[in-house]
Amino acid sequence: MSRLLEAVCALTIGVLVALLVWGANPGAVRVAWREGEMSGVTVVFVAACALWLVLWRRRTGRGPLAWPLAVLLCGAAVALVVATMAG
């Protein structure tokens, strides 16, 4: 069950990123971001990333050093997306 949930989270993340990158007008996305209309999508994206990260760590049994590194990488990716959207 855990692997299935992990796969669903990864698929959700991939679909959201693909829709944002390939299916959207960048100008319209920036306007929607500035007006706060992207908050629901952002919450779903961050929740799916966090849940996937927890499930991945639980499944692989990575040590304590892998956990902060993975969180740092995911945080950097989110910060990059936010900086790009802020424009």
N, C-alpha and C. Protein backbone atom coordinates (compact mmCIF):
# COMPACT_ATOMS: atom_id res chain seq x y z
N MET A 1 0.82 -1.19 0.00
CA MET A 1 0.00 0.00 0.00
C MET A 1 0.87 1.26 0.00
N SER A 2 1.96 1.18 0.73
CA SER A 2 2.86 2.33 0.83
C SER A 2 3.48 2.66 -0.53
N ARG A 3 3.87 1.63 -1.26
CA ARG A 3 4.46 1.87 -2.59
C ARG A 3 3.44 2.44 -3.56
N LEU A 4 2.20 2.00 -3.44
CA LEU A 4 1.15 2.53 -4.30
C LEU A 4 0.92 4.01 -4.00
N LEU A 5 0.87 4.37 -2.73
CA LEU A 5 0.69 5.77 -2.35
C LEU A 5 1.89 6.61 -2.79
N GLU A 6 3.07 6.04 -2.68
CA GLU A 6 4.28 6.73 -3.15
C GLU A 6 4.21 6.97 -4.66
N ALA A 7 3.75 5.99 -5.40
CA ALA A 7 3.62 6.13 -6.85
C ALA A 7 2.56 7.17 -7.21
N VAL A 8 1.46 7.20 -6.47
CA VAL A 8 0.41 8.20 -6.72
C VAL A 8 0.95 9.61 -6.46
N CYS A 9 1.71 9.77 -5.40
CA CYS A 9 2.31 11.08 -5.10
C CYS A 9 3.27 11.50 -6.21
N ALA A 10 4.12 10.59 -6.65
CA ALA A 10 5.06 10.91 -7.72
C ALA A 10 4.33 11.25 -9.01
N LEU A 11 3.28 10.52 -9.31
CA LEU A 11 2.49 10.80 -10.51
C LEU A 11 1.80 12.16 -10.41
N THR A 12 1.27 12.48 -9.25
CA THR A 12 0.64 13.79 -9.04
C THR A 12 1.63 14.92 -9.25
N ILE A 13 2.81 14.77 -8.71
CA ILE A 13 3.86 15.78 -8.87
C ILE A 13 4.22 15.93 -10.34
N GLY A 14 4.40 14.82 -11.02
CA GLY A 14 4.76 14.86 -12.43
C GLY A 14 3.69 15.51 -13.29
N VAL A 15 2.43 15.17 -13.03
CA VAL A 15 1.34 15.75 -13.81
C VAL A 15 1.24 17.26 -13.58
N LEU A 16 1.34 17.69 -12.32
CA LEU A 16 1.26 19.12 -12.02
C LEU A 16 2.39 19.90 -12.69
N VAL A 17 3.59 19.35 -12.62
CA VAL A 17 4.73 20.03 -13.24
C VAL A 17 4.57 20.06 -14.76
N ALA A 18 4.15 18.94 -15.35
CA ALA A 18 3.97 18.90 -16.80
C ALA A 18 2.90 19.88 -17.26
N LEU A 19 1.78 19.94 -16.54
CA LEU A 19 0.73 20.89 -16.90
C LEU A 19 1.21 22.33 -16.76
N LEU A 20 1.98 22.61 -15.73
CA LEU A 20 2.47 23.96 -15.51
C LEU A 20 3.49 24.35 -16.57
N VAL A 21 4.37 23.44 -16.92
CA VAL A 21 5.45 23.77 -17.85
C VAL A 21 4.96 23.78 -19.30
N TRP A 22 4.23 22.73 -19.69
CA TRP A 22 3.89 22.60 -21.10
C TRP A 22 2.50 23.12 -21.46
N GLY A 23 1.60 23.16 -20.51
CA GLY A 23 0.23 23.47 -20.87
C GLY A 23 -0.24 24.86 -20.51
N ALA A 24 0.66 25.70 -20.04
CA ALA A 24 0.21 27.00 -19.55
C ALA A 24 0.98 28.13 -20.23
N ASN A 25 0.31 29.22 -20.35
CA ASN A 25 0.93 30.45 -20.82
C ASN A 25 1.70 31.06 -19.64
N PRO A 26 3.03 31.24 -19.77
CA PRO A 26 3.80 31.75 -18.63
C PRO A 26 3.29 33.09 -18.08
N GLY A 27 2.84 33.97 -18.96
CA GLY A 27 2.31 35.25 -18.50
C GLY A 27 1.05 35.08 -17.67
N ALA A 28 0.17 34.21 -18.11
CA ALA A 28 -1.07 33.96 -17.38
C ALA A 28 -0.80 33.29 -16.03
N VAL A 29 0.19 32.41 -15.99
CA VAL A 29 0.55 31.75 -14.74
C VAL A 29 1.11 32.77 -13.75
N ARG A 30 1.94 33.68 -14.23
CA ARG A 30 2.49 34.71 -13.34
C ARG A 30 1.39 35.61 -12.78
N VAL A 31 0.45 35.98 -13.61
CA VAL A 31 -0.67 36.81 -13.14
C VAL A 31 -1.50 36.05 -12.11
N ALA A 32 -1.79 34.80 -12.39
CA ALA A 32 -2.56 33.98 -11.44
C ALA A 32 -1.80 33.81 -10.13
N TRP A 33 -0.47 33.66 -10.23
CA TRP A 33 0.35 33.51 -9.03
C TRP A 33 0.30 34.78 -8.19
N ARG A 34 0.44 35.92 -8.82
CA ARG A 34 0.43 37.19 -8.09
C ARG A 34 -0.91 37.48 -7.45
N GLU A 35 -2.00 37.03 -8.07
CA GLU A 35 -3.33 37.29 -7.54
C GLU A 35 -3.77 36.22 -6.54
N GLY A 36 -2.93 35.23 -6.28
CA GLY A 36 -3.24 34.22 -5.28
C GLY A 36 -4.14 33.10 -5.76
N GLU A 37 -4.33 32.99 -7.05
CA GLU A 37 -5.21 31.95 -7.58
C GLU A 37 -4.51 30.59 -7.70
N MET A 38 -3.21 30.56 -7.47
CA MET A 38 -2.46 29.31 -7.57
C MET A 38 -2.25 28.65 -6.20
N SER A 39 -2.86 29.19 -5.15
CA SER A 39 -2.59 28.68 -3.82
C SER A 39 -3.06 27.24 -3.64
N GLY A 40 -4.18 26.87 -4.22
CA GLY A 40 -4.66 25.49 -4.12
C GLY A 40 -3.72 24.51 -4.79
N VAL A 41 -3.25 24.86 -5.96
CA VAL A 41 -2.30 24.01 -6.69
C VAL A 41 -0.99 23.90 -5.92
N THR A 42 -0.56 25.01 -5.35
CA THR A 42 0.68 25.02 -4.58
C THR A 42 0.57 24.13 -3.36
N VAL A 43 -0.55 24.18 -2.67
CA VAL A 43 -0.75 23.34 -1.48
C VAL A 43 -0.73 21.86 -1.87
N VAL A 44 -1.41 21.51 -2.94
CA VAL A 44 -1.42 20.11 -3.40
C VAL A 44 -0.01 19.67 -3.78
N PHE A 45 0.73 20.52 -4.49
CA PHE A 45 2.08 20.19 -4.92
C PHE A 45 3.00 19.97 -3.72
N VAL A 46 2.97 20.89 -2.77
CA VAL A 46 3.85 20.77 -1.59
C VAL A 46 3.46 19.57 -0.74
N ALA A 47 2.16 19.32 -0.58
CA ALA A 47 1.72 18.16 0.20
C ALA A 47 2.14 16.85 -0.48
N ALA A 48 2.01 16.77 -1.80
CA ALA A 48 2.42 15.56 -2.52
C ALA A 48 3.93 15.36 -2.41
N CYS A 49 4.70 16.45 -2.50
CA CYS A 49 6.16 16.34 -2.35
C CYS A 49 6.53 15.85 -0.96
N ALA A 50 5.91 16.42 0.07
CA ALA A 50 6.22 16.03 1.44
C ALA A 50 5.84 14.58 1.71
N LEU A 51 4.66 14.18 1.26
CA LEU A 51 4.22 12.81 1.48
C LEU A 51 5.10 11.83 0.72
N TRP A 52 5.46 12.16 -0.51
CA TRP A 52 6.35 11.29 -1.27
C TRP A 52 7.69 11.15 -0.56
N LEU A 53 8.21 12.26 -0.04
CA LEU A 53 9.50 12.24 0.64
C LEU A 53 9.46 11.36 1.88
N VAL A 54 8.40 11.46 2.66
CA VAL A 54 8.26 10.64 3.87
C VAL A 54 8.15 9.16 3.49
N LEU A 55 7.33 8.85 2.51
CA LEU A 55 7.17 7.45 2.09
C LEU A 55 8.44 6.89 1.50
N TRP A 56 9.16 7.69 0.73
CA TRP A 56 10.42 7.24 0.14
C TRP A 56 11.44 6.93 1.23
N ARG A 57 11.54 7.80 2.22
CA ARG A 57 12.49 7.57 3.31
C ARG A 57 12.11 6.34 4.10
N ARG A 58 10.83 6.15 4.34
CA ARG A 58 10.39 4.99 5.10
C ARG A 58 10.68 3.70 4.34
N ARG A 59 10.46 3.72 3.02
CA ARG A 59 10.68 2.51 2.21
C ARG A 59 12.15 2.19 2.07
N THR A 60 12.99 3.18 1.81
CA THR A 60 14.40 2.92 1.57
C THR A 60 15.20 2.80 2.84
N GLY A 61 14.70 3.35 3.94
CA GLY A 61 15.42 3.26 5.20
C GLY A 61 16.72 4.04 5.20
N ARG A 62 16.73 5.13 4.46
CA ARG A 62 17.93 5.96 4.40
C ARG A 62 18.29 6.47 5.79
N GLY A 63 19.57 6.68 5.98
CA GLY A 63 20.07 7.15 7.27
C GLY A 63 19.74 8.61 7.52
N PRO A 64 20.13 9.11 8.67
CA PRO A 64 19.80 10.48 9.03
C PRO A 64 20.43 11.53 8.13
N LEU A 65 21.51 11.21 7.44
CA LEU A 65 22.14 12.20 6.56
C LEU A 65 21.37 12.40 5.26
N ALA A 66 20.68 11.38 4.80
CA ALA A 66 19.93 11.49 3.54
C ALA A 66 18.68 12.34 3.71
N TRP A 67 18.09 12.33 4.88
CA TRP A 67 16.84 13.06 5.11
C TRP A 67 17.02 14.56 4.95
N PRO A 68 17.97 15.21 5.65
CA PRO A 68 18.13 16.67 5.45
C PRO A 68 18.55 17.03 4.03
N LEU A 69 19.34 16.19 3.39
CA LEU A 69 19.76 16.46 2.03
C LEU A 69 18.56 16.44 1.08
N ALA A 70 17.68 15.47 1.23
CA ALA A 70 16.49 15.40 0.38
C ALA A 70 15.56 16.58 0.64
N VAL A 71 15.40 16.96 1.90
CA VAL A 71 14.56 18.11 2.23
C VAL A 71 15.17 19.38 1.64
N LEU A 72 16.48 19.52 1.72
CA LEU A 72 17.16 20.68 1.16
C LEU A 72 16.97 20.76 -0.35
N LEU A 73 17.09 19.65 -1.03
CA LEU A 73 16.91 19.63 -2.49
C LEU A 73 15.47 19.97 -2.87
N CYS A 74 14.50 19.40 -2.16
CA CYS A 74 13.09 19.71 -2.46
C CYS A 74 12.79 21.17 -2.15
N GLY A 75 13.33 21.68 -1.05
CA GLY A 75 13.13 23.09 -0.71
C GLY A 75 13.74 24.01 -1.73
N ALA A 76 14.92 23.66 -2.24
CA ALA A 76 15.55 24.47 -3.27
C ALA A 76 14.72 24.47 -4.55
N ALA A 77 14.15 23.32 -4.90
CA ALA A 77 13.31 23.25 -6.09
C ALA A 77 12.06 24.11 -5.93
N VAL A 78 11.43 24.05 -4.77
CA VAL A 78 10.24 24.87 -4.52
C VAL A 78 10.60 26.34 -4.54
N ALA A 79 11.73 26.71 -3.93
CA ALA A 79 12.16 28.11 -3.92
C ALA A 79 12.44 28.61 -5.34
N LEU A 80 13.00 27.75 -6.18
CA LEU A 80 13.26 28.12 -7.56
C LEU A 80 11.96 28.37 -8.32
N VAL A 81 10.97 27.52 -8.11
CA VAL A 81 9.67 27.69 -8.75
C VAL A 81 9.01 28.99 -8.28
N VAL A 82 9.06 29.24 -6.98
CA VAL A 82 8.47 30.46 -6.44
C VAL A 82 9.18 31.71 -6.99
N ALA A 83 10.51 31.67 -7.05
CA ALA A 83 11.26 32.81 -7.59
C ALA A 83 10.94 33.03 -9.05
N THR A 84 10.77 31.96 -9.80
CA THR A 84 10.44 32.08 -11.22
C THR A 84 9.05 32.67 -11.40
N MET A 85 8.11 32.23 -10.60
CA MET A 85 6.75 32.74 -10.71
C MET A 85 6.65 34.19 -10.26
N ALA A 86 7.45 34.57 -9.29
CA ALA A 86 7.40 35.95 -8.79
C ALA A 86 7.95 36.92 -9.82
N GLY A 87 8.79 36.41 -10.68
CA GLY A 87 9.21 37.10 -11.83
C GLY A 87 10.22 38.11 -11.87
